[in-house]
Protein backbone atom coordinates (compact mmCIF):
# COMPACT_ATOMS: atom_id res chain seq x y z
CA MET A 1 16.62 -17.23 -0.60
CA ILE A 2 16.10 -14.22 -2.05
CA VAL A 3 17.56 -10.91 0.13
CA TYR A 4 16.42 -7.84 -0.68
CA GLU A 5 18.49 -5.13 -0.21
CA PRO A 6 17.13 -1.95 1.72
CA ARG A 7 16.48 0.92 -1.07
CA GLU A 8 16.06 4.66 -0.38
CA LYS A 9 12.75 5.95 0.81
CA ALA A 10 10.37 7.08 -1.94
CA ARG A 11 9.74 10.61 -1.73
CA ASN A 12 6.06 10.03 -1.58
CA CYS A 13 5.21 8.12 1.85
CA GLU A 14 1.68 9.01 2.25
CA THR A 15 0.80 5.10 1.64
CA LEU A 16 2.97 4.41 4.37
CA ASP A 17 2.09 7.48 6.63
CA LYS A 18 -2.24 6.41 6.07
CA LEU A 19 -1.37 2.42 6.84
CA ARG A 20 0.43 3.67 10.23
CA ALA A 21 -2.83 6.08 10.73
CA MET A 22 -5.34 3.02 10.56
CA ALA A 23 -2.90 0.65 12.35
CA ALA A 24 -3.49 3.09 15.30
CA ASP A 25 -6.83 3.17 15.19
CA GLN A 26 -8.42 2.08 18.14
CA ASN A 27 -12.25 0.97 16.55
CA PRO A 28 -11.31 0.12 13.05
CA PRO A 29 -13.68 0.62 10.26
CA TRP A 30 -15.00 -3.20 8.85
CA ASP A 31 -16.20 -2.01 5.71
CA PRO A 32 -15.36 -3.80 2.42
CA ALA A 33 -13.69 -0.98 0.83
CA THR A 34 -11.73 0.17 3.54
CA ARG A 35 -10.94 -3.37 4.02
CA ILE A 36 -9.29 -2.96 0.21
CA GLU A 37 -7.59 0.15 0.80
CA ARG A 38 -5.65 -1.19 4.00
CA ALA A 39 -4.89 -4.54 2.05
CA LEU A 40 -3.63 -2.28 -1.05
CA ALA A 41 -1.49 -0.16 1.30
CA VAL A 42 0.25 -3.29 2.87
CA VAL A 43 1.30 -3.87 -0.67
CA VAL A 44 1.89 -0.78 -1.78
CA THR A 45 4.42 -0.68 1.13
CA ALA A 46 5.85 -3.87 0.74
CA MET A 47 6.82 -3.14 -3.18
CA THR A 48 8.40 -0.12 -2.20
CA GLU A 49 10.37 -1.75 0.07
CA ILE A 50 11.36 -4.55 -2.13
CA HIS A 51 11.63 -2.19 -5.45
CA GLY A 52 12.30 0.90 -4.55
CA GLY A 53 10.99 4.23 -5.78
CA GLU A 54 6.85 4.90 -6.11
CA TRP A 55 4.17 2.74 -5.80
CA ARG A 56 0.21 3.81 -6.20
CA SER A 57 -2.52 1.52 -6.35
CA GLN A 58 -6.01 1.80 -8.44
CA VAL A 59 -9.26 -0.17 -7.64
CA ASP A 60 -11.73 -0.63 -10.46
CA HIS A 61 -14.59 -1.96 -8.97
CA GLN A 62 -16.96 -2.12 -12.44
CA ALA A 63 -13.95 -3.84 -14.08
CA LYS A 64 -13.25 -5.78 -10.66
CA VAL A 65 -9.46 -5.52 -11.50
CA VAL A 66 -6.99 -4.05 -8.58
CA ALA A 67 -3.67 -2.64 -9.52
CA VAL A 68 -0.25 -1.77 -8.33
CA VAL A 69 1.94 0.10 -9.95
CA PRO A 70 4.82 2.35 -10.08
CA TYR A 71 4.20 6.14 -11.04
């Protein structure tokens, strides 16, 4: 079993704040773009918790590519 040590919070916690705001929304939007943003916010938050540092997501709809990378 892999055990992850907690890391210090990233200086930029915008993604986590966005995720919390979306979770608190009483009437969540169901359009595909917002669903993608929500899913990416979850992944970015998990990557920050596991690896520390600052992470960002990028979506290119024309190339059909989604990336989650460190700053």
